[in-house]
Protein backbone atom coordinates (compact mmCIF):
# COMPACT_ATOMS: atom_id res chain seq x y z
CA MET A 1 -38.58 82.77 -142.21
CA ALA A 2 -41.32 85.25 -143.17
CA TRP A 3 -42.75 86.74 -139.98
CA LYS A 4 -46.49 87.38 -140.05
CA ASN A 5 -46.78 89.63 -136.99
CA ARG A 6 -44.22 92.40 -136.81
CA LEU A 7 -45.05 95.04 -134.26
CA ASP A 8 -42.75 98.04 -133.73
CA LEU A 9 -43.91 99.62 -130.48
CA HIS A 10 -41.05 102.06 -129.88
CA THR A 11 -40.46 104.69 -132.58
CA HIS A 12 -39.90 108.43 -132.75
CA THR A 13 -41.24 111.11 -135.08
CA ASP A 14 -39.87 114.61 -135.59
CA ASN A 15 -41.91 115.62 -132.54
CA SER A 16 -39.03 114.09 -130.53
CA PHE A 17 -36.03 116.39 -130.13
CA ASP A 18 -33.89 113.68 -131.74
CA GLY A 19 -36.45 112.50 -134.29
CA ASN A 20 -36.09 113.14 -138.02
CA HIS A 21 -39.20 112.24 -140.01
CA SER A 22 -42.87 113.12 -139.94
CA THR A 23 -45.60 110.87 -138.61
CA THR A 24 -47.07 110.54 -142.12
CA LEU A 25 -43.75 109.51 -143.69
CA LEU A 26 -43.18 106.97 -140.94
CA CYS A 27 -46.65 105.50 -141.48
CA GLU A 28 -46.01 105.21 -145.18
CA THR A 29 -42.69 103.51 -144.53
CA ALA A 30 -44.21 101.12 -141.98
CA ALA A 31 -46.96 100.15 -144.50
CA GLU A 32 -44.38 99.60 -147.21
CA LYS A 33 -42.38 97.38 -144.88
CA LYS A 34 -45.59 95.46 -144.12
CA LEU A 35 -45.48 96.05 -140.38
CA ARG A 36 -48.71 95.00 -138.72
CA ALA A 37 -48.57 97.77 -136.09
CA VAL A 38 -46.45 100.77 -135.23
CA ALA A 39 -46.52 102.86 -132.04
CA PHE A 40 -45.23 106.38 -132.10
CA THR A 41 -43.68 107.05 -128.71
CA ASP A 42 -42.15 110.48 -128.78
CA HIS A 43 -39.96 111.59 -125.89
CA VAL A 44 -41.52 113.37 -122.94
CA GLU A 45 -38.75 113.83 -120.33
CA MET A 46 -40.45 114.55 -117.05
CA ASP A 47 -37.40 115.96 -115.17
CA VAL A 48 -37.32 118.90 -117.63
CA TYR A 49 -40.98 118.79 -118.68
CA LEU A 50 -41.83 122.49 -118.66
CA GLU A 51 -38.31 123.87 -118.94
CA GLN A 52 -37.74 122.16 -122.31
CA HIS A 53 -41.37 122.48 -123.47
CA PHE A 54 -42.25 118.76 -123.58
CA ASP A 55 -45.83 119.77 -122.72
CA ARG A 56 -46.02 121.36 -126.18
CA THR A 57 -44.40 118.53 -128.12
CA ALA A 58 -46.53 115.97 -126.33
CA LYS A 59 -49.66 117.78 -127.54
CA GLN A 60 -48.40 118.08 -131.10
CA SER A 61 -47.27 114.41 -131.19
CA PHE A 62 -50.62 113.11 -129.96
CA PHE A 63 -52.57 115.26 -132.44
CA GLU A 64 -50.52 114.06 -135.37
CA ILE A 65 -50.73 110.41 -134.36
CA ILE A 66 -54.58 110.61 -134.16
CA LYS A 67 -54.69 112.11 -137.69
CA ALA A 68 -52.37 109.41 -139.04
CA ARG A 69 -54.42 106.67 -137.41
CA SER A 70 -57.49 107.83 -139.32
CA ALA A 71 -55.56 108.16 -142.62
CA PHE A 72 -54.01 104.71 -142.41
CA ARG A 73 -56.99 102.81 -141.02
CA GLY A 74 -57.22 99.43 -142.73
CA LYS A 75 -53.56 99.54 -143.84
CA LEU A 76 -51.69 99.76 -140.53
CA ILE A 77 -52.50 99.67 -136.83
CA VAL A 78 -51.28 103.08 -135.58
CA CYS A 79 -50.90 103.30 -131.81
CA ALA A 80 -50.72 106.56 -129.88
CA GLY A 81 -47.86 106.30 -127.47
CA VAL A 82 -45.35 108.18 -125.40
CA GLU A 83 -41.89 107.41 -124.07
CA LEU A 84 -42.23 108.79 -120.52
CA GLY A 85 -38.70 109.52 -119.42
CA GLU A 86 -37.87 109.82 -115.71
CA PRO A 87 -41.47 109.97 -114.50
CA THR A 88 -40.43 109.17 -110.94
CA TYR A 89 -38.44 112.44 -110.89
CA ASN A 90 -41.66 114.44 -111.41
CA LEU A 91 -44.65 112.26 -110.47
CA PRO A 92 -47.36 114.99 -110.30
CA GLU A 93 -46.71 116.15 -113.86
CA ALA A 94 -46.27 112.57 -115.13
CA GLU A 95 -49.59 111.45 -113.71
CA ALA A 96 -51.30 114.63 -115.03
CA LEU A 97 -50.01 113.89 -118.49
CA LEU A 98 -51.40 110.36 -118.38
CA ARG A 99 -54.79 111.74 -117.43
CA GLN A 100 -54.64 114.30 -120.25
CA TYR A 101 -54.07 111.98 -123.25
CA SER A 102 -55.77 108.67 -124.14
CA TYR A 103 -52.63 106.78 -125.05
CA ASP A 104 -52.53 103.22 -126.34
CA ILE A 105 -49.09 102.51 -124.89
CA VAL A 106 -46.91 104.23 -122.37
CA ILE A 107 -43.22 103.37 -122.27
CA GLY A 108 -41.38 103.90 -119.00
CA SER A 109 -37.67 104.74 -119.23
CA ILE A 110 -34.69 106.30 -117.44
CA HIS A 111 -32.19 108.18 -119.57
CA ASN A 112 -30.25 110.08 -116.95
CA LEU A 113 -29.65 110.07 -113.22
CA ARG A 114 -31.17 112.81 -111.10
CA GLY A 115 -29.70 116.21 -111.81
CA ARG A 116 -27.33 114.85 -114.47
CA GLN A 117 -27.17 114.64 -118.20
CA ASP A 118 -28.33 111.74 -120.37
CA PHE A 119 -25.86 108.83 -120.26
CA TRP A 120 -25.01 109.77 -123.83
CA TYR A 121 -23.25 112.93 -122.68
CA LEU A 122 -21.34 111.82 -119.62
CA PRO A 123 -17.57 112.38 -119.56
CA TYR A 124 -16.47 108.75 -119.85
CA ASP A 125 -12.89 109.67 -120.62
CA SER A 126 -12.51 110.67 -117.00
CA TYR A 127 -14.25 107.60 -115.57
CA ASP A 128 -12.74 104.40 -114.20
CA ASP A 129 -14.36 101.02 -113.54
CA ALA A 130 -15.41 102.04 -110.01
CA THR A 131 -17.18 105.13 -111.34
CA ILE A 132 -19.01 103.03 -113.93
CA ALA A 133 -20.08 100.52 -111.29
CA ALA A 134 -21.44 103.31 -109.06
CA LEU A 135 -23.37 104.79 -111.99
CA LEU A 136 -24.93 101.45 -112.86
CA ARG A 137 -25.91 100.68 -109.27
CA GLU A 138 -27.63 104.07 -109.04
CA TYR A 139 -29.31 103.54 -112.42
CA PHE A 140 -30.69 100.15 -111.47
CA ASP A 141 -31.98 101.65 -108.16
CA GLU A 142 -33.88 104.23 -110.24
CA LEU A 143 -35.28 101.53 -112.49
CA LEU A 144 -36.56 99.63 -109.50
CA GLN A 145 -38.40 102.78 -108.29
CA LEU A 146 -39.81 103.13 -111.79
CA ALA A 147 -41.04 99.55 -111.89
CA ALA A 148 -42.51 99.93 -108.42
CA TRP A 149 -44.49 102.99 -109.52
CA GLY A 150 -45.75 100.95 -112.46
CA ARG A 151 -48.15 103.43 -114.10
CA PHE A 152 -46.90 102.53 -117.58
CA ASP A 153 -47.10 99.54 -119.87
CA THR A 154 -43.61 98.43 -120.91
CA LEU A 155 -40.19 98.93 -119.36
CA ALA A 156 -37.84 100.30 -122.02
CA HIS A 157 -34.22 99.33 -122.83
CA LEU A 158 -33.38 98.08 -119.34
CA THR A 159 -29.62 98.15 -120.08
CA TYR A 160 -29.72 101.60 -121.77
CA PRO A 161 -26.44 102.91 -120.24
CA LEU A 162 -24.51 100.06 -121.84
CA ARG A 163 -25.23 101.61 -125.26
CA TYR A 164 -22.63 104.21 -124.30
CA ILE A 165 -20.61 102.62 -121.56
CA CYS A 166 -19.79 99.47 -123.52
CA GLY A 167 -20.82 100.25 -127.07
CA GLU A 168 -19.31 103.69 -127.50
CA HIS A 169 -16.58 103.82 -124.85
CA GLY A 170 -15.44 100.20 -124.58
CA PHE A 171 -15.85 99.55 -120.86
CA ARG A 172 -16.38 95.90 -119.93
CA VAL A 173 -19.46 95.28 -117.78
CA ASN A 174 -20.49 91.99 -116.23
CA LEU A 175 -24.22 92.14 -115.62
CA GLY A 176 -23.81 89.33 -113.08
CA ASP A 177 -22.30 91.90 -110.75
CA TYR A 178 -25.78 93.54 -110.65
CA ALA A 179 -27.88 90.38 -110.65
CA GLU A 180 -29.58 91.10 -107.33
CA GLN A 181 -30.70 94.55 -108.49
CA ILE A 182 -31.77 93.36 -111.92
CA ASP A 183 -33.75 90.46 -110.38
CA ALA A 184 -35.59 92.93 -108.12
CA ILE A 185 -36.51 95.06 -111.11
CA LEU A 186 -37.71 92.06 -113.14
CA GLU A 187 -39.69 90.62 -110.19
CA THR A 188 -41.33 93.98 -109.55
CA ALA A 189 -42.19 94.46 -113.23
CA ALA A 190 -43.68 90.95 -113.39
CA HIS A 191 -45.65 91.52 -110.21
CA ASN A 192 -47.08 94.75 -111.60
CA LYS A 193 -47.97 93.02 -114.91
CA LEU A 194 -45.60 95.26 -116.84
CA ALA A 195 -44.14 94.19 -120.17
CA LEU A 196 -40.38 94.08 -120.71
CA GLU A 197 -39.26 95.71 -123.88
CA ILE A 198 -36.80 93.98 -126.22
CA ASN A 199 -35.19 97.07 -127.70
CA THR A 200 -33.46 96.14 -130.93
CA SER A 201 -31.60 99.37 -131.56
CA GLY A 202 -28.41 97.97 -130.05
CA LEU A 203 -28.17 95.45 -132.87
CA ARG A 204 -27.50 98.24 -135.36
CA GLN A 205 -25.20 100.13 -133.01
CA LYS A 206 -21.77 99.40 -131.60
CA LEU A 207 -23.27 97.59 -128.63
CA GLY A 208 -24.20 94.71 -130.96
CA LYS A 209 -26.99 93.23 -128.83
CA THR A 210 -30.52 93.94 -127.76
CA MET A 211 -31.31 95.98 -124.63
CA PRO A 212 -31.66 94.06 -122.48
CA GLU A 213 -29.67 91.09 -123.75
CA GLU A 214 -31.00 87.57 -124.01
CA SER A 215 -29.99 86.42 -120.51
CA VAL A 216 -32.05 89.19 -118.92
CA VAL A 217 -35.10 88.43 -121.07
CA ARG A 218 -34.86 84.78 -120.08
CA ARG A 219 -34.53 85.69 -116.42
CA PHE A 220 -37.69 87.84 -116.71
CA ARG A 221 -39.55 84.78 -117.92
CA GLU A 222 -38.11 82.66 -115.09
CA LEU A 223 -39.28 85.21 -112.55
CA GLY A 224 -42.85 85.21 -113.79
CA GLY A 225 -42.78 87.84 -116.57
CA GLU A 226 -45.63 87.23 -118.98
CA ARG A 227 -45.44 90.18 -121.39
CA ILE A 228 -42.88 91.51 -123.81
CA THR A 229 -42.93 94.22 -126.44
CA LEU A 230 -40.57 94.70 -129.40
CA GLY A 231 -39.26 98.08 -130.50
CA SER A 232 -36.71 99.31 -132.97
CA ASP A 233 -36.33 102.71 -131.21
CA ALA A 234 -36.23 104.14 -134.73
CA HIS A 235 -35.42 107.80 -135.09
CA PHE A 236 -35.23 107.57 -138.91
CA ALA A 237 -37.77 106.06 -141.32
CA GLU A 238 -35.19 103.56 -142.63
CA HIS A 239 -34.77 102.06 -139.17
CA LEU A 240 -38.49 101.20 -138.71
CA GLY A 241 -38.81 97.53 -138.00
CA ALA A 242 -35.06 97.01 -137.83
CA GLY A 243 -34.06 94.00 -135.75
CA LEU A 244 -37.64 92.86 -135.02
CA GLU A 245 -37.01 89.41 -136.53
CA GLU A 246 -33.90 88.88 -134.33
CA GLY A 247 -35.89 90.10 -131.34
CA MET A 248 -38.73 87.70 -132.05
CA GLU A 249 -36.31 84.80 -132.36
CA LEU A 250 -34.73 85.83 -129.08
CA ALA A 251 -38.15 85.96 -127.39
CA LEU A 252 -38.99 82.46 -128.59
CA ARG A 253 -35.68 81.11 -127.24
CA CYS A 254 -36.52 82.64 -123.87
CA GLY A 255 -39.87 80.87 -123.67
CA PHE A 256 -42.24 83.55 -124.88
CA THR A 257 -44.81 82.53 -127.50
CA HIS A 258 -46.62 85.87 -127.68
CA MET A 259 -45.82 89.61 -127.82
CA THR A 260 -48.12 92.26 -126.39
CA LEU A 261 -49.88 94.91 -128.39
CA PHE A 262 -51.49 97.66 -126.31
CA GLN A 263 -54.75 99.35 -127.36
CA ARG A 264 -56.08 102.01 -125.05
CA ARG A 265 -53.66 100.74 -122.44
CA GLU A 266 -55.17 97.22 -122.57
CA PRO A 267 -52.82 94.31 -123.41
CA ILE A 268 -53.57 92.07 -126.41
CA ALA A 269 -51.54 88.93 -126.91
CA ILE A 270 -50.20 88.52 -130.44
CA ALA A 271 -48.53 85.27 -131.46
CA ILE A 272 -44.87 85.38 -132.37
CA GLU A 273 -45.14 84.04 -135.90
């Protein structure tokens, strides 16, 4: 099936510490791949905002996106975005940042627990199942606080820790053990009119599934969720748009007929076709 509307609303330029390619190259690649829209959502981690100079990279990222939007007008919808990591750990600076820049889309995410490293770096070799369970319970508690704050547009990769816990280190996790917490997150997100992101990066990684997986997306719909976004979480040009088709098929199976494109923080329904 040839998909008409492919929107990649979670991507990273070299203004992210883990990005690799320029905004211009990514726009050229997105146009070549015939994406309808791309959002550049470089990392701004609020728990280390000033210490690691995210104030500077946020400024550079926004400036380059605005230039690219002008250069590619008529060829590609270029959205100015940000992946706002851990905003609830530093609400004053997070809210100041949102006042400073006229973003199209703001992604809310949690990459690490308070005072600890990104889940990527944790010492899993020394962990047992009880330690993993405690980490996930704390993570989902933080996601609930994030969803309750709600000053963003889409909730990113809800099952992010599983990329490492299951995909890289082989632990077995039954999400049913966390159903009450996950339902609370989804209900809160739905109540606050937040979108749920279907992050397709797991499809090209060892995890082998979207984040969150299909059962969680379906549950979001059952609990009143109305908006979804799709994102490849690309950090390389070649990954732009990767997995979007599978994500769109998943969304349709879960009862969604439209994706959401954000322009100046306003939601626009785009048919999944």
